[in-house]
């Protein structure tokens, strides 16, 4: 069976698939029909660009499952104005309802996350997610414990901040996990060159997909700092020594929704 599947009746020999091929392994024969030499099949990274950009649905590679293909519905594409509003109404959320996010909604969000770009289409992310507020609180307790044990091991300014956060947390104010019912953690191999970039991009996709489903998110900075250094917290997550935490998002059903779009600093751009 050929690695490159081509419907010759549908193919218009327009060269699009070979033009967009990331690794350049799709070639055109004398009659301009696209093909992949079987000896180069190993170079395919299964990015699916040949399928995505072909206007005739004429080709796919063996690594892709055609049962998962779907035609783009132009009627559901966001306009530039809609996308502009969507992006500008995304805000960090720190007020969550007590209710858990429905599993169906989480599944839809994570399905969108699969489409985040990654270096060479590797998609090395491993995800850890709490399913209850109780589990999230346990992790928050470990973050507070980390702060209390490291007052004398961080710069003075950080030490004071840790003390204030720990004091507030002890008094019952959840300034660490923000009362969120869930946390999602992005984990990648520590020796992977693009771990920070791929992890951050995937988490950003999660945040935007969550916003599309009216789920609020906020980056879990205290948690991320602690989990990169504190073994008890790493053990609670089942992390291995050779795994890196790119970041984490607290998320849940929101109490409030964005009503106005506020101002932001202007971009600092240097044009060359």
C-alpha atoms as a PDB file:
ATOM      1  CA  UNK A   1       0.000   0.000   0.000  1.00  0.00           C
ATOM      2  CA  UNK A   2       1.326   3.420  -0.933  1.00  0.00           C
ATOM      3  CA  UNK A   3       2.148   5.840   1.855  1.00  0.00           C
ATOM      4  CA  UNK A   4       0.689   8.736  -0.132  1.00  0.00           C
ATOM      5  CA  UNK A   5      -2.980   8.258  -1.051  1.00  0.00           C
ATOM      6  CA  UNK A   6      -4.097  10.168  -4.138  1.00  0.00           C
ATOM      7  CA  UNK A   7      -7.501  10.237  -5.791  1.00  0.00           C
ATOM      8  CA  UNK A   8      -6.422  10.861  -9.371  1.00  0.00           C
ATOM      9  CA  UNK A   9      -9.959  11.714 -10.454  1.00  0.00           C
ATOM     10  CA  UNK A  10     -10.210  14.517  -7.892  1.00  0.00           C
ATOM     11  CA  UNK A  11      -6.632  15.783  -8.227  1.00  0.00           C
ATOM     12  CA  UNK A  12      -6.304  18.863 -10.434  1.00  0.00           C
ATOM     13  CA  UNK A  13      -2.485  18.789 -10.455  1.00  0.00           C
ATOM     14  CA  UNK A  14      -2.339  22.340  -9.111  1.00  0.00           C
ATOM     15  CA  UNK A  15       0.794  21.671  -7.031  1.00  0.00           C
ATOM     16  CA  UNK A  16      -0.713  22.957  -3.770  1.00  0.00           C
ATOM     17  CA  UNK A  17       0.100  19.874  -1.712  1.00  0.00           C
ATOM     18  CA  UNK A  18       3.750  19.909  -2.769  1.00  0.00           C
ATOM     19  CA  UNK A  19       3.987  23.669  -2.219  1.00  0.00           C
ATOM     20  CA  UNK A  20       2.772  23.496   1.393  1.00  0.00           C
ATOM     21  CA  UNK A  21       4.588  20.285   2.398  1.00  0.00           C
ATOM     22  CA  UNK A  22       6.786  21.226   5.384  1.00  0.00           C
ATOM     23  CA  UNK A  23       9.450  18.611   4.738  1.00  0.00           C
ATOM     24  CA  UNK A  24       9.313  18.944   0.951  1.00  0.00           C
ATOM     25  CA  UNK A  25       8.770  15.236   0.351  1.00  0.00           C
ATOM     26  CA  UNK A  26       5.724  15.656  -1.889  1.00  0.00           C
ATOM     27  CA  UNK A  27       7.005  15.902  -5.454  1.00  0.00           C
ATOM     28  CA  UNK A  28       5.333  16.216  -8.831  1.00  0.00           C
ATOM     29  CA  UNK A  29       6.015  13.776 -11.673  1.00  0.00           C
ATOM     30  CA  UNK A  30       6.308  14.633 -15.366  1.00  0.00           C
ATOM     31  CA  UNK A  31       2.527  14.892 -15.608  1.00  0.00           C
ATOM     32  CA  UNK A  32       2.463  17.107 -12.458  1.00  0.00           C
ATOM     33  CA  UNK A  33       0.769  14.429 -10.385  1.00  0.00           C
ATOM     34  CA  UNK A  34       1.929  14.598  -6.739  1.00  0.00           C
ATOM     35  CA  UNK A  35       3.674  11.629  -5.116  1.00  0.00           C
ATOM     36  CA  UNK A  36       5.949  10.725  -2.226  1.00  0.00           C
ATOM     37  CA  UNK A  37       8.908   8.446  -2.782  1.00  0.00           C
ATOM     38  CA  UNK A  38       8.464   5.578  -0.322  1.00  0.00           C
ATOM     39  CA  UNK A  39      12.068   5.969   0.881  1.00  0.00           C
ATOM     40  CA  UNK A  40      11.181   9.475   2.110  1.00  0.00           C
ATOM     41  CA  UNK A  41       8.005   8.466   3.929  1.00  0.00           C
ATOM     42  CA  UNK A  42       9.842   8.487   7.284  1.00  0.00           C
ATOM     43  CA  UNK A  43      10.349  12.240   6.920  1.00  0.00           C
ATOM     44  CA  UNK A  44       6.601  12.897   7.100  1.00  0.00           C
ATOM     45  CA  UNK A  45       5.640  14.615  10.385  1.00  0.00           C
ATOM     46  CA  UNK A  46       1.894  14.056   9.908  1.00  0.00           C
ATOM     47  CA  UNK A  47       1.148  17.787   9.989  1.00  0.00           C
ATOM     48  CA  UNK A  48      -1.745  17.332   7.564  1.00  0.00           C
ATOM     49  CA  UNK A  49      -1.076  20.478   5.545  1.00  0.00           C
ATOM     50  CA  UNK A  50      -1.455  18.546   2.300  1.00  0.00           C
ATOM     51  CA  UNK A  51      -4.999  17.633   3.356  1.00  0.00           C
ATOM     52  CA  UNK A  52      -5.846  20.988   4.923  1.00  0.00           C
ATOM     53  CA  UNK A  53      -4.955  23.081   1.881  1.00  0.00           C
ATOM     54  CA  UNK A  54      -6.114  20.800  -0.929  1.00  0.00           C
ATOM     55  CA  UNK A  55      -9.351  22.333  -2.299  1.00  0.00           C
ATOM     56  CA  UNK A  56     -10.321  19.045  -3.986  1.00  0.00           C
ATOM     57  CA  UNK A  57     -10.026  16.558  -1.054  1.00  0.00           C
ATOM     58  CA  UNK A  58      -7.734  14.540  -3.292  1.00  0.00           C
ATOM     59  CA  UNK A  59      -4.936  13.329  -1.022  1.00  0.00           C
ATOM     60  CA  UNK A  60      -3.755  12.236   2.407  1.00  0.00           C
ATOM     61  CA  UNK A  61      -0.809  10.375   3.919  1.00  0.00           C
ATOM     62  CA  UNK A  62      -0.891   7.010   5.654  1.00  0.00           C
ATOM     63  CA  UNK A  63      -0.132   8.543   9.091  1.00  0.00           C
ATOM     64  CA  UNK A  64      -3.436  10.459   9.057  1.00  0.00           C
ATOM     65  CA  UNK A  65      -6.884   9.023   9.734  1.00  0.00           C
ATOM     66  CA  UNK A  66      -9.312  10.149   7.014  1.00  0.00           C
ATOM     67  CA  UNK A  67     -12.228   9.286   9.327  1.00  0.00           C
ATOM     68  CA  UNK A  68     -11.249  12.312  11.402  1.00  0.00           C
ATOM     69  CA  UNK A  69     -11.219  14.745   8.473  1.00  0.00           C
ATOM     70  CA  UNK A  70     -14.007  17.293   8.227  1.00  0.00           C
ATOM     71  CA  UNK A  71     -14.728  19.908   5.612  1.00  0.00           C
ATOM     72  CA  UNK A  72     -14.394  23.544   6.698  1.00  0.00           C
ATOM     73  CA  UNK A  73     -17.796  25.155   7.103  1.00  0.00           C
ATOM     74  CA  UNK A  74     -17.321  28.733   5.956  1.00  0.00           C
ATOM     75  CA  UNK A  75     -20.574  29.748   7.667  1.00  0.00           C
ATOM     76  CA  UNK A  76     -19.076  29.026  11.101  1.00  0.00           C
ATOM     77  CA  UNK A  77     -15.781  30.844  10.549  1.00  0.00           C
ATOM     78  CA  UNK A  78     -15.416  33.875  12.816  1.00  0.00           C
ATOM     79  CA  UNK A  79     -15.207  37.224  11.085  1.00  0.00           C
ATOM     80  CA  UNK A  80     -12.256  39.499  11.805  1.00  0.00           C
ATOM     81  CA  UNK A  81     -14.562  41.671  13.929  1.00  0.00           C
ATOM     82  CA  UNK A  82     -15.865  38.683  15.905  1.00  0.00           C
ATOM     83  CA  UNK A  83     -12.356  37.385  16.504  1.00  0.00           C
ATOM     84  CA  UNK A  84     -11.221  40.845  17.577  1.00  0.00           C
ATOM     85  CA  UNK A  85     -13.988  40.992  20.196  1.00  0.00           C
ATOM     86  CA  UNK A  86     -13.340  37.413  21.316  1.00  0.00           C
ATOM     87  CA  UNK A  87      -9.632  38.023  21.939  1.00  0.00           C
ATOM     88  CA  UNK A  88     -10.160  41.350  23.694  1.00  0.00           C
ATOM     89  CA  UNK A  89     -12.829  39.968  26.043  1.00  0.00           C
ATOM     90  CA  UNK A  90     -10.548  37.240  27.339  1.00  0.00           C
ATOM     91  CA  UNK A  91      -9.528  38.219  30.852  1.00  0.00           C
ATOM     92  CA  UNK A  92      -7.821  36.423  33.711  1.00  0.00           C
ATOM     93  CA  UNK A  93     -10.547  35.090  36.004  1.00  0.00           C
ATOM     94  CA  UNK A  94     -10.107  34.820  39.777  1.00  0.00           C
ATOM     95  CA  UNK A  95     -13.736  34.380  40.822  1.00  0.00           C
ATOM     96  CA  UNK A  96     -15.117  30.907  40.261  1.00  0.00           C
ATOM     97  CA  UNK A  97     -18.383  29.161  41.026  1.00  0.00           C
ATOM     98  CA  UNK A  98     -18.327  26.121  43.296  1.00  0.00           C
ATOM     99  CA  UNK A  99     -19.642  23.884  40.526  1.00  0.00           C
ATOM    100  CA  UNK A 100     -17.340  21.612  38.563  1.00  0.00           C
ATOM    101  CA  UNK A 101     -16.920  22.039  34.822  1.00  0.00           C
ATOM    102  CA  UNK A 102     -18.906  19.381  32.974  1.00  0.00           C
ATOM    103  CA  UNK A 103     -16.764  16.634  31.471  1.00  0.00           C
ATOM    104  CA  UNK A 104     -18.349  17.153  28.052  1.00  0.00           C
ATOM    105  CA  UNK A 105     -17.168  20.770  28.081  1.00  0.00           C
ATOM    106  CA  UNK A 106     -13.662  19.772  29.171  1.00  0.00           C
ATOM    107  CA  UNK A 107     -13.534  17.214  26.348  1.00  0.00           C
ATOM    108  CA  UNK A 108     -14.510  19.867  23.779  1.00  0.00           C
ATOM    109  CA  UNK A 109     -11.863  22.251  25.080  1.00  0.00           C
ATOM    110  CA  UNK A 110      -9.152  19.601  25.036  1.00  0.00           C
ATOM    111  CA  UNK A 111     -10.147  18.596  21.503  1.00  0.00           C
ATOM    112  CA  UNK A 112      -9.379  22.180  20.440  1.00  0.00           C
ATOM    113  CA  UNK A 113      -6.071  22.073  22.332  1.00  0.00           C
ATOM    114  CA  UNK A 114      -4.925  19.205  20.097  1.00  0.00           C
ATOM    115  CA  UNK A 115      -4.671  21.741  17.279  1.00  0.00           C
ATOM    116  CA  UNK A 116      -2.105  23.963  19.012  1.00  0.00           C
ATOM    117  CA  UNK A 117       1.085  24.224  16.935  1.00  0.00           C
ATOM    118  CA  UNK A 118       4.177  22.433  18.177  1.00  0.00           C
ATOM    119  CA  UNK A 119       7.730  22.097  16.897  1.00  0.00           C
ATOM    120  CA  UNK A 120       7.857  19.493  14.125  1.00  0.00           C
ATOM    121  CA  UNK A 121       4.291  18.508  15.025  1.00  0.00           C
ATOM    122  CA  UNK A 122       5.635  16.478  17.962  1.00  0.00           C
ATOM    123  CA  UNK A 123       2.869  17.348  20.444  1.00  0.00           C
ATOM    124  CA  UNK A 124       4.878  16.210  23.441  1.00  0.00           C
ATOM    125  CA  UNK A 125       2.479  17.668  26.000  1.00  0.00           C
ATOM    126  CA  UNK A 126       1.269  15.420  28.798  1.00  0.00           C
ATOM    127  CA  UNK A 127      -1.632  16.858  30.747  1.00  0.00           C
ATOM    128  CA  UNK A 128      -2.448  16.558  34.434  1.00  0.00           C
ATOM    129  CA  UNK A 129      -5.853  17.839  35.564  1.00  0.00           C
ATOM    130  CA  UNK A 130      -7.711  17.794  38.873  1.00  0.00           C
ATOM    131  CA  UNK A 131     -11.297  16.558  38.751  1.00  0.00           C
ATOM    132  CA  UNK A 132     -12.441  18.025  42.068  1.00  0.00           C
ATOM    133  CA  UNK A 133     -12.005  21.109  44.217  1.00  0.00           C
ATOM    134  CA  UNK A 134     -10.698  18.850  47.010  1.00  0.00           C
ATOM    135  CA  UNK A 135      -7.761  17.683  44.882  1.00  0.00           C
ATOM    136  CA  UNK A 136      -7.040  21.247  43.818  1.00  0.00           C
ATOM    137  CA  UNK A 137      -6.978  22.373  47.460  1.00  0.00           C
ATOM    138  CA  UNK A 138      -4.491  19.617  48.332  1.00  0.00           C
ATOM    139  CA  UNK A 139      -2.116  20.971  45.697  1.00  0.00           C
ATOM    140  CA  UNK A 140      -2.635  24.508  46.974  1.00  0.00           C
ATOM    141  CA  UNK A 141      -1.704  23.372  50.483  1.00  0.00           C
ATOM    142  CA  UNK A 142       1.576  22.011  49.134  1.00  0.00           C
ATOM    143  CA  UNK A 143       2.318  25.299  47.377  1.00  0.00           C
ATOM    144  CA  UNK A 144       1.772  27.141  50.679  1.00  0.00           C
ATOM    145  CA  UNK A 145       4.001  24.601  52.391  1.00  0.00           C
ATOM    146  CA  UNK A 146       6.719  25.246  49.805  1.00  0.00           C
ATOM    147  CA  UNK A 147       6.537  28.980  50.458  1.00  0.00           C
ATOM    148  CA  UNK A 148       6.760  28.524  54.232  1.00  0.00           C
ATOM    149  CA  UNK A 149       9.804  26.278  53.914  1.00  0.00           C
ATOM    150  CA  UNK A 150      11.639  28.654  51.562  1.00  0.00           C
ATOM    151  CA  UNK A 151      11.398  32.062  53.249  1.00  0.00           C
ATOM    152  CA  UNK A 152      15.138  32.045  53.917  1.00  0.00           C
ATOM    153  CA  UNK A 153      16.117  30.650  50.505  1.00  0.00           C
ATOM    154  CA  UNK A 154      14.766  33.351  48.199  1.00  0.00           C
ATOM    155  CA  UNK A 155      15.594  37.076  47.726  1.00  0.00           C
ATOM    156  CA  UNK A 156      14.261  39.343  50.459  1.00  0.00           C
ATOM    157  CA  UNK A 157      11.510  40.835  48.293  1.00  0.00           C
ATOM    158  CA  UNK A 158      10.265  37.340  47.400  1.00  0.00           C
ATOM    159  CA  UNK A 159      10.500  36.208  51.006  1.00  0.00           C
ATOM    160  CA  UNK A 160       8.220  39.033  52.141  1.00  0.00           C
ATOM    161  CA  UNK A 161       5.765  38.198  49.360  1.00  0.00           C
ATOM    162  CA  UNK A 162       5.811  34.501  50.302  1.00  0.00           C
ATOM    163  CA  UNK A 163       5.105  35.416  53.940  1.00  0.00           C
ATOM    164  CA  UNK A 164       2.157  37.620  53.024  1.00  0.00           C
ATOM    165  CA  UNK A 165       0.689  34.992  50.701  1.00  0.00           C
ATOM    166  CA  UNK A 166       1.183  32.217  53.265  1.00  0.00           C
ATOM    167  CA  UNK A 167      -0.411  34.346  56.002  1.00  0.00           C
ATOM    168  CA  UNK A 168      -3.434  35.091  53.810  1.00  0.00           C
ATOM    169  CA  UNK A 169      -3.733  31.419  52.833  1.00  0.00           C
ATOM    170  CA  UNK A 170      -3.634  30.325  56.470  1.00  0.00           C
ATOM    171  CA  UNK A 171      -6.394  32.798  57.295  1.00  0.00           C
ATOM    172  CA  UNK A 172      -8.667  31.093  54.763  1.00  0.00           C
ATOM    173  CA  UNK A 173      -8.131  33.330  51.728  1.00  0.00           C
ATOM    174  CA  UNK A 174      -7.257  31.128  48.786  1.00  0.00           C
ATOM    175  CA  UNK A 175      -4.840  33.496  47.080  1.00  0.00           C
ATOM    176  CA  UNK A 176      -2.945  30.532  45.636  1.00  0.00           C
ATOM    177  CA  UNK A 177      -5.602  28.468  43.829  1.00  0.00           C
ATOM    178  CA  UNK A 178      -8.159  31.315  43.763  1.00  0.00           C
ATOM    179  CA  UNK A 179     -11.025  29.031  44.700  1.00  0.00           C
ATOM    180  CA  UNK A 180     -10.833  27.328  41.313  1.00  0.00           C
ATOM    181  CA  UNK A 181     -12.335  23.847  41.129  1.00  0.00           C
ATOM    182  CA  UNK A 182      -9.728  22.653  38.638  1.00  0.00           C
ATOM    183  CA  UNK A 183      -6.125  23.079  37.601  1.00  0.00           C
ATOM    184  CA  UNK A 184      -4.546  21.824  34.385  1.00  0.00           C
ATOM    185  CA  UNK A 185      -0.781  21.316  34.159  1.00  0.00           C
ATOM    186  CA  UNK A 186       1.324  21.113  31.000  1.00  0.00           C
ATOM    187  CA  UNK A 187       4.167  18.583  31.285  1.00  0.00           C
ATOM    188  CA  UNK A 188       6.862  17.862  28.692  1.00  0.00           C
ATOM    189  CA  UNK A 189      10.144  15.913  28.562  1.00  0.00           C
ATOM    190  CA  UNK A 190      12.878  17.993  30.188  1.00  0.00           C
ATOM    191  CA  UNK A 191      15.324  17.213  27.377  1.00  0.00           C
ATOM    192  CA  UNK A 192      12.906  18.410  24.694  1.00  0.00           C
ATOM    193  CA  UNK A 193      14.370  21.540  23.109  1.00  0.00           C
ATOM    194  CA  UNK A 194      11.078  23.415  22.677  1.00  0.00           C
ATOM    195  CA  UNK A 195       9.402  22.425  25.953  1.00  0.00           C
ATOM    196  CA  UNK A 196       8.784  25.971  27.205  1.00  0.00           C
ATOM    197  CA  UNK A 197       7.434  27.233  23.881  1.00  0.00           C
ATOM    198  CA  UNK A 198       5.228  24.237  23.052  1.00  0.00           C
ATOM    199  CA  UNK A 199       3.860  24.048  26.588  1.00  0.00           C
ATOM    200  CA  UNK A 200       3.014  27.757  26.717  1.00  0.00           C
ATOM    201  CA  UNK A 201       1.361  27.700  23.294  1.00  0.00           C
ATOM    202  CA  UNK A 202      -0.785  24.702  24.230  1.00  0.00           C
ATOM    203  CA  UNK A 203      -1.836  26.357  27.501  1.00  0.00           C
ATOM    204  CA  UNK A 204      -2.767  29.510  25.608  1.00  0.00           C
ATOM    205  CA  UNK A 205      -4.914  27.432  23.266  1.00  0.00           C
ATOM    206  CA  UNK A 206      -6.540  25.923  26.352  1.00  0.00           C
ATOM    207  CA  UNK A 207      -7.261  29.380  27.744  1.00  0.00           C
ATOM    208  CA  UNK A 208      -8.805  30.622  24.489  1.00  0.00           C
ATOM    209  CA  UNK A 209     -10.826  27.445  23.950  1.00  0.00           C
ATOM    210  CA  UNK A 210     -12.072  27.697  27.532  1.00  0.00           C
ATOM    211  CA  UNK A 211     -13.111  31.303  26.906  1.00  0.00           C
ATOM    212  CA  UNK A 212     -15.096  30.139  23.882  1.00  0.00           C
ATOM    213  CA  UNK A 213     -17.032  27.788  26.194  1.00  0.00           C
ATOM    214  CA  UNK A 214     -17.564  30.462  28.883  1.00  0.00           C
ATOM    215  CA  UNK A 215     -15.028  28.834  31.191  1.00  0.00           C
ATOM    216  CA  UNK A 216     -12.702  31.185  33.053  1.00  0.00           C
ATOM    217  CA  UNK A 217      -8.949  30.702  33.438  1.00  0.00           C
ATOM    218  CA  UNK A 218      -5.979  32.280  35.143  1.00  0.00           C
ATOM    219  CA  UNK A 219      -2.311  31.309  34.928  1.00  0.00           C
ATOM    220  CA  UNK A 220      -1.191  29.580  38.129  1.00  0.00           C
ATOM    221  CA  UNK A 221       2.104  31.372  38.760  1.00  0.00           C
ATOM    222  CA  UNK A 222       2.600  30.417  42.419  1.00  0.00           C
ATOM    223  CA  UNK A 223       1.868  26.796  41.591  1.00  0.00           C
ATOM    224  CA  UNK A 224       4.248  26.721  38.605  1.00  0.00           C
ATOM    225  CA  UNK A 225       7.133  28.177  40.618  1.00  0.00           C
ATOM    226  CA  UNK A 226       6.599  25.679  43.413  1.00  0.00           C
ATOM    227  CA  UNK A 227       6.169  22.593  41.252  1.00  0.00           C
ATOM    228  CA  UNK A 228       9.447  23.250  39.448  1.00  0.00           C
ATOM    229  CA  UNK A 229      11.359  23.102  42.738  1.00  0.00           C
ATOM    230  CA  UNK A 230       9.361  21.253  45.403  1.00  0.00           C
ATOM    231  CA  UNK A 231       9.568  17.459  45.434  1.00  0.00           C
ATOM    232  CA  UNK A 232       6.470  16.825  47.601  1.00  0.00           C
ATOM    233  CA  UNK A 233       4.367  18.733  45.065  1.00  0.00           C
ATOM    234  CA  UNK A 234       5.989  16.951  42.145  1.00  0.00           C
ATOM    235  CA  UNK A 235       5.372  13.614  43.848  1.00  0.00           C
ATOM    236  CA  UNK A 236       1.709  14.511  44.392  1.00  0.00           C
ATOM    237  CA  UNK A 237       1.393  15.014  40.616  1.00  0.00           C
ATOM    238  CA  UNK A 238       3.303  11.852  39.785  1.00  0.00           C
ATOM    239  CA  UNK A 239       6.010  13.791  37.958  1.00  0.00           C
ATOM    240  CA  UNK A 240       9.256  12.090  36.982  1.00  0.00           C
ATOM    241  CA  UNK A 241      12.673  13.677  37.454  1.00  0.00           C
ATOM    242  CA  UNK A 242      13.056  14.056  33.691  1.00  0.00           C
ATOM    243  CA  UNK A 243       9.759  15.941  33.245  1.00  0.00           C
ATOM    244  CA  UNK A 244       9.360  19.705  32.973  1.00  0.00           C
ATOM    245  CA  UNK A 245       6.293  21.738  33.912  1.00  0.00           C
ATOM    246  CA  UNK A 246       5.749  24.421  31.284  1.00  0.00           C
ATOM    247  CA  UNK A 247       2.943  26.057  33.225  1.00  0.00           C
ATOM    248  CA  UNK A 248      -0.558  25.617  34.587  1.00  0.00           C
ATOM    249  CA  UNK A 249      -4.021  27.172  34.368  1.00  0.00           C
ATOM    250  CA  UNK A 250      -6.636  27.376  37.095  1.00  0.00           C
ATOM    251  CA  UNK A 251     -10.089  27.112  35.569  1.00  0.00           C
ATOM    252  CA  UNK A 252     -13.771  26.815  36.308  1.00  0.00           C
ATOM    253  CA  UNK A 253     -17.225  28.252  35.760  1.00  0.00           C
ATOM    254  CA  UNK A 254     -17.035  32.010  36.140  1.00  0.00           C
ATOM    255  CA  UNK A 255     -19.009  34.207  38.526  1.00  0.00           C
ATOM    256  CA  UNK A 256     -18.719  37.321  36.346  1.00  0.00           C
ATOM    257  CA  UNK A 257     -18.430  37.985  32.621  1.00  0.00           C
ATOM    258  CA  UNK A 258     -16.617  40.676  30.681  1.00  0.00           C
ATOM    259  CA  UNK A 259     -18.861  43.681  30.059  1.00  0.00           C
ATOM    260  CA  UNK A 260     -16.393  46.172  28.626  1.00  0.00           C
ATOM    261  CA  UNK A 261     -13.119  46.065  26.718  1.00  0.00           C
ATOM    262  CA  UNK A 262     -10.509  48.106  28.558  1.00  0.00           C
ATOM    263  CA  UNK A 263      -7.381  49.861  27.327  1.00  0.00           C
ATOM    264  CA  UNK A 264      -3.943  48.275  27.051  1.00  0.00           C
ATOM    265  CA  UNK A 265      -0.420  49.584  26.663  1.00  0.00           C
ATOM    266  CA  UNK A 266       0.541  50.267  23.034  1.00  0.00           C
ATOM    267  CA  UNK A 267       2.760  47.690  21.342  1.00  0.00           C
ATOM    268  CA  UNK A 268       6.497  48.319  21.395  1.00  0.00           C
ATOM    269  CA  UNK A 269       7.426  47.473  17.802  1.00  0.00           C
ATOM    270  CA  UNK A 270      10.686  47.899  15.936  1.00  0.00           C
ATOM    271  CA  UNK A 271      10.289  47.590  12.180  1.00  0.00           C
ATOM    272  CA  UNK A 272      13.335  46.554  10.172  1.00  0.00           C
END
